[in-house]
């Protein structure tokens, strides 16, 4: 098993009372590519911040 370069567990964030991301988990290992896709306003930029 490859060691994760990025390991995210239980990520939640939002603006005020509006929850944008809720309980996200993911891992990215060396050599892997990850693509974040979705409609406008779904939290892609918020995830990267």
PDB file of N, CA and C in Angstrom:
ATOM      1  N   UNK A   1       0.846  -1.183   0.000  1.00  0.00           N
ATOM      2  CA  UNK A   1       0.000   0.000   0.000  1.00  0.00           C
ATOM      3  C   UNK A   1       0.890   1.244   0.000  1.00  0.00           C
ATOM      4  N   UNK A   2       0.580   2.201  -0.851  1.00  0.00           N
ATOM      5  CA  UNK A   2       1.332   3.446  -0.921  1.00  0.00           C
ATOM      6  C   UNK A   2       0.978   4.352   0.252  1.00  0.00           C
ATOM      7  N   UNK A   3       1.976   5.092   0.724  1.00  0.00           N
ATOM      8  CA  UNK A   3       1.739   6.060   1.789  1.00  0.00           C
ATOM      9  C   UNK A   3       1.054   7.291   1.190  1.00  0.00           C
ATOM     10  N   UNK A   4       0.036   7.789   1.865  1.00  0.00           N
ATOM     11  CA  UNK A   4      -0.710   8.953   1.380  1.00  0.00           C
ATOM     12  C   UNK A   4       0.126  10.221   1.519  1.00  0.00           C
ATOM     13  N   UNK A   5       0.179  11.029   0.448  1.00  0.00           N
ATOM     14  CA  UNK A   5       0.807  12.346   0.515  1.00  0.00           C
ATOM     15  C   UNK A   5      -0.161  13.355   1.102  1.00  0.00           C
ATOM     16  N   UNK A   6      -1.443  13.138   0.857  1.00  0.00           N
ATOM     17  CA  UNK A   6      -2.500  13.993   1.391  1.00  0.00           C
ATOM     18  C   UNK A   6      -3.585  13.084   1.942  1.00  0.00           C
ATOM     19  N   UNK A   7      -3.909  13.271   3.203  1.00  0.00           N
ATOM     20  CA  UNK A   7      -4.927  12.456   3.857  1.00  0.00           C
ATOM     21  C   UNK A   7      -5.922  13.396   4.530  1.00  0.00           C
ATOM     22  N   UNK A   8      -7.152  13.394   4.065  1.00  0.00           N
ATOM     23  CA  UNK A   8      -8.194  14.260   4.620  1.00  0.00           C
ATOM     24  C   UNK A   8      -9.270  13.371   5.234  1.00  0.00           C
ATOM     25  N   UNK A   9      -9.615  13.651   6.493  1.00  0.00           N
ATOM     26  CA  UNK A   9     -10.642  12.876   7.187  1.00  0.00           C
ATOM     27  C   UNK A   9     -11.610  13.817   7.890  1.00  0.00           C
ATOM     28  N   UNK A  10     -12.889  13.548   7.740  1.00  0.00           N
ATOM     29  CA  UNK A  10     -13.959  14.286   8.427  1.00  0.00           C
ATOM     30  C   UNK A  10     -13.911  15.791   8.178  1.00  0.00           C
ATOM     31  N   UNK A  11     -13.627  16.194   6.956  1.00  0.00           N
ATOM     32  CA  UNK A  11     -13.574  17.616   6.603  1.00  0.00           C
ATOM     33  C   UNK A  11     -14.984  18.165   6.444  1.00  0.00           C
ATOM     34  N   UNK A  12     -15.272  19.220   7.166  1.00  0.00           N
ATOM     35  CA  UNK A  12     -16.546  19.931   7.049  1.00  0.00           C
ATOM     36  C   UNK A  12     -16.256  21.418   7.108  1.00  0.00           C
ATOM     37  N   UNK A  13     -16.924  22.205   6.284  1.00  0.00           N
ATOM     38  CA  UNK A  13     -16.788  23.660   6.361  1.00  0.00           C
ATOM     39  C   UNK A  13     -17.973  24.304   5.657  1.00  0.00           C
ATOM     40  N   UNK A  14     -18.150  25.582   5.919  1.00  0.00           N
ATOM     41  CA  UNK A  14     -19.272  26.288   5.337  1.00  0.00           C
ATOM     42  C   UNK A  14     -19.168  27.774   5.573  1.00  0.00           C
ATOM     43  N   UNK A  15     -20.215  28.481   5.225  1.00  0.00           N
ATOM     44  CA  UNK A  15     -20.302  29.923   5.383  1.00  0.00           C
ATOM     45  C   UNK A  15     -21.506  30.227   6.259  1.00  0.00           C
ATOM     46  N   UNK A  16     -21.248  30.781   7.442  1.00  0.00           N
ATOM     47  CA  UNK A  16     -22.355  31.036   8.355  1.00  0.00           C
ATOM     48  C   UNK A  16     -23.029  29.729   8.725  1.00  0.00           C
ATOM     49  N   UNK A  17     -24.333  29.663   8.534  1.00  0.00           N
ATOM     50  CA  UNK A  17     -25.078  28.436   8.846  1.00  0.00           C
ATOM     51  C   UNK A  17     -25.171  27.486   7.656  1.00  0.00           C
ATOM     52  N   UNK A  18     -24.667  27.914   6.496  1.00  0.00           N
ATOM     53  CA  UNK A  18     -24.734  27.102   5.272  1.00  0.00           C
ATOM     54  C   UNK A  18     -23.541  26.150   5.215  1.00  0.00           C
ATOM     55  N   UNK A  19     -23.777  24.850   5.368  1.00  0.00           N
ATOM     56  CA  UNK A  19     -22.732  23.843   5.310  1.00  0.00           C
ATOM     57  C   UNK A  19     -22.455  23.502   3.846  1.00  0.00           C
ATOM     58  N   UNK A  20     -21.215  23.702   3.416  1.00  0.00           N
ATOM     59  CA  UNK A  20     -20.836  23.458   2.020  1.00  0.00           C
ATOM     60  C   UNK A  20     -20.247  22.059   1.854  1.00  0.00           C
ATOM     61  N   UNK A  21     -19.318  21.693   2.717  1.00  0.00           N
ATOM     62  CA  UNK A  21     -18.695  20.371   2.696  1.00  0.00           C
ATOM     63  C   UNK A  21     -18.999  19.689   4.024  1.00  0.00           C
ATOM     64  N   UNK A  22     -19.373  18.410   3.972  1.00  0.00           N
ATOM     65  CA  UNK A  22     -19.757  17.709   5.200  1.00  0.00           C
ATOM     66  C   UNK A  22     -19.122  16.319   5.241  1.00  0.00           C
ATOM     67  N   UNK A  23     -18.271  16.089   6.218  1.00  0.00           N
ATOM     68  CA  UNK A  23     -17.651  14.776   6.476  1.00  0.00           C
ATOM     69  C   UNK A  23     -16.963  14.178   5.247  1.00  0.00           C
ATOM     70  N   UNK A  24     -16.117  14.955   4.586  1.00  0.00           N
ATOM     71  CA  UNK A  24     -15.382  14.453   3.422  1.00  0.00           C
ATOM     72  C   UNK A  24     -14.147  13.688   3.870  1.00  0.00           C
ATOM     73  N   UNK A  25     -13.874  12.565   3.228  1.00  0.00           N
ATOM     74  CA  UNK A  25     -12.670  11.770   3.446  1.00  0.00           C
ATOM     75  C   UNK A  25     -12.064  11.451   2.086  1.00  0.00           C
ATOM     76  N   UNK A  26     -10.743  11.629   1.958  1.00  0.00           N
ATOM     77  CA  UNK A  26     -10.047  11.158   0.766  1.00  0.00           C
ATOM     78  C   UNK A  26      -8.552  11.118   1.016  1.00  0.00           C
ATOM     79  N   UNK A  27      -7.861  10.312   0.210  1.00  0.00           N
ATOM     80  CA  UNK A  27      -6.409  10.189   0.272  1.00  0.00           C
ATOM     81  C   UNK A  27      -5.863  10.323  -1.135  1.00  0.00           C
ATOM     82  N   UNK A  28      -4.702  10.950  -1.251  1.00  0.00           N
ATOM     83  CA  UNK A  28      -3.998  11.040  -2.528  1.00  0.00           C
ATOM     84  C   UNK A  28      -2.584  10.528  -2.287  1.00  0.00           C
ATOM     85  N   UNK A  29      -2.181   9.513  -3.031  1.00  0.00           N
ATOM     86  CA  UNK A  29      -0.854   8.917  -2.903  1.00  0.00           C
ATOM     87  C   UNK A  29       0.047   9.393  -4.031  1.00  0.00           C
ATOM     88  N   UNK A  30       1.350   9.214  -3.841  1.00  0.00           N
ATOM     89  CA  UNK A  30       2.330   9.585  -4.867  1.00  0.00           C
ATOM     90  C   UNK A  30       1.977   8.905  -6.187  1.00  0.00           C
ATOM     91  N   UNK A  31       1.997   9.672  -7.264  1.00  0.00           N
ATOM     92  CA  UNK A  31       1.717   9.149  -8.592  1.00  0.00           C
ATOM     93  C   UNK A  31       0.241   9.147  -8.977  1.00  0.00           C
ATOM     94  N   UNK A  32      -0.644   9.430  -8.044  1.00  0.00           N
ATOM     95  CA  UNK A  32      -2.075   9.466  -8.350  1.00  0.00           C
ATOM     96  C   UNK A  32      -2.481  10.849  -8.834  1.00  0.00           C
ATOM     97  N   UNK A  33      -3.487  10.879  -9.668  1.00  0.00           N
ATOM     98  CA  UNK A  33      -4.103  12.125 -10.101  1.00  0.00           C
ATOM     99  C   UNK A  33      -5.497  12.183  -9.507  1.00  0.00           C
ATOM    100  N   UNK A  34      -5.884  13.373  -9.082  1.00  0.00           N
ATOM    101  CA  UNK A  34      -7.223  13.550  -8.518  1.00  0.00           C
ATOM    102  C   UNK A  34      -7.888  14.707  -9.237  1.00  0.00           C
ATOM    103  N   UNK A  35      -9.123  14.519  -9.611  1.00  0.00           N
ATOM    104  CA  UNK A  35      -9.881  15.551 -10.305  1.00  0.00           C
ATOM    105  C   UNK A  35     -11.091  15.921  -9.454  1.00  0.00           C
ATOM    106  N   UNK A  36     -11.283  17.220  -9.254  1.00  0.00           N
ATOM    107  CA  UNK A  36     -12.433  17.705  -8.489  1.00  0.00           C
ATOM    108  C   UNK A  36     -13.376  18.369  -9.480  1.00  0.00           C
ATOM    109  N   UNK A  37     -14.548  17.763  -9.682  1.00  0.00           N
ATOM    110  CA  UNK A  37     -15.500  18.296 -10.648  1.00  0.00           C
ATOM    111  C   UNK A  37     -16.849  18.515  -9.977  1.00  0.00           C
ATOM    112  N   UNK A  38     -17.613  19.421 -10.535  1.00  0.00           N
ATOM    113  CA  UNK A  38     -18.950  19.681 -10.015  1.00  0.00           C
ATOM    114  C   UNK A  38     -19.463  21.007 -10.538  1.00  0.00           C
ATOM    115  N   UNK A  39     -20.732  21.273 -10.323  1.00  0.00           N
ATOM    116  CA  UNK A  39     -21.339  22.515 -10.805  1.00  0.00           C
ATOM    117  C   UNK A  39     -20.844  23.725 -10.010  1.00  0.00           C
ATOM    118  N   UNK A  40     -21.108  24.908 -10.544  1.00  0.00           N
ATOM    119  CA  UNK A  40     -20.761  26.146  -9.850  1.00  0.00           C
ATOM    120  C   UNK A  40     -21.386  26.171  -8.463  1.00  0.00           C
ATOM    121  N   UNK A  41     -20.597  26.617  -7.488  1.00  0.00           N
ATOM    122  CA  UNK A  41     -21.112  26.782  -6.134  1.00  0.00           C
ATOM    123  C   UNK A  41     -21.195  25.525  -5.295  1.00  0.00           C
ATOM    124  N   UNK A  42     -20.600  24.421  -5.747  1.00  0.00           N
ATOM    125  CA  UNK A  42     -20.725  23.174  -4.976  1.00  0.00           C
ATOM    126  C   UNK A  42     -19.599  22.970  -3.969  1.00  0.00           C
ATOM    127  N   UNK A  43     -18.587  23.875  -3.928  1.00  0.00           N
ATOM    128  CA  UNK A  43     -17.545  23.791  -2.912  1.00  0.00           C
ATOM    129  C   UNK A  43     -16.176  23.357  -3.394  1.00  0.00           C
ATOM    130  N   UNK A  44     -15.938  23.340  -4.699  1.00  0.00           N
ATOM    131  CA  UNK A  44     -14.631  22.918  -5.212  1.00  0.00           C
ATOM    132  C   UNK A  44     -13.511  23.827  -4.708  1.00  0.00           C
ATOM    133  N   UNK A  45     -13.656  25.119  -4.859  1.00  0.00           N
ATOM    134  CA  UNK A  45     -12.635  26.073  -4.401  1.00  0.00           C
ATOM    135  C   UNK A  45     -12.522  26.072  -2.884  1.00  0.00           C
ATOM    136  N   UNK A  46     -13.635  25.941  -2.198  1.00  0.00           N
ATOM    137  CA  UNK A  46     -13.626  25.880  -0.734  1.00  0.00           C
ATOM    138  C   UNK A  46     -12.824  24.675  -0.266  1.00  0.00           C
ATOM    139  N   UNK A  47     -12.964  23.549  -0.930  1.00  0.00           N
ATOM    140  CA  UNK A  47     -12.207  22.350  -0.593  1.00  0.00           C
ATOM    141  C   UNK A  47     -10.708  22.609  -0.688  1.00  0.00           C
ATOM    142  N   UNK A  48     -10.276  23.299  -1.728  1.00  0.00           N
ATOM    143  CA  UNK A  48      -8.848  23.537  -1.932  1.00  0.00           C
ATOM    144  C   UNK A  48      -8.277  24.591  -0.993  1.00  0.00           C
ATOM    145  N   UNK A  49      -9.120  25.446  -0.463  1.00  0.00           N
ATOM    146  CA  UNK A  49      -8.642  26.460   0.482  1.00  0.00           C
ATOM    147  C   UNK A  49      -8.426  25.820   1.816  1.00  0.00           C
TER     148      UNK A  49
END
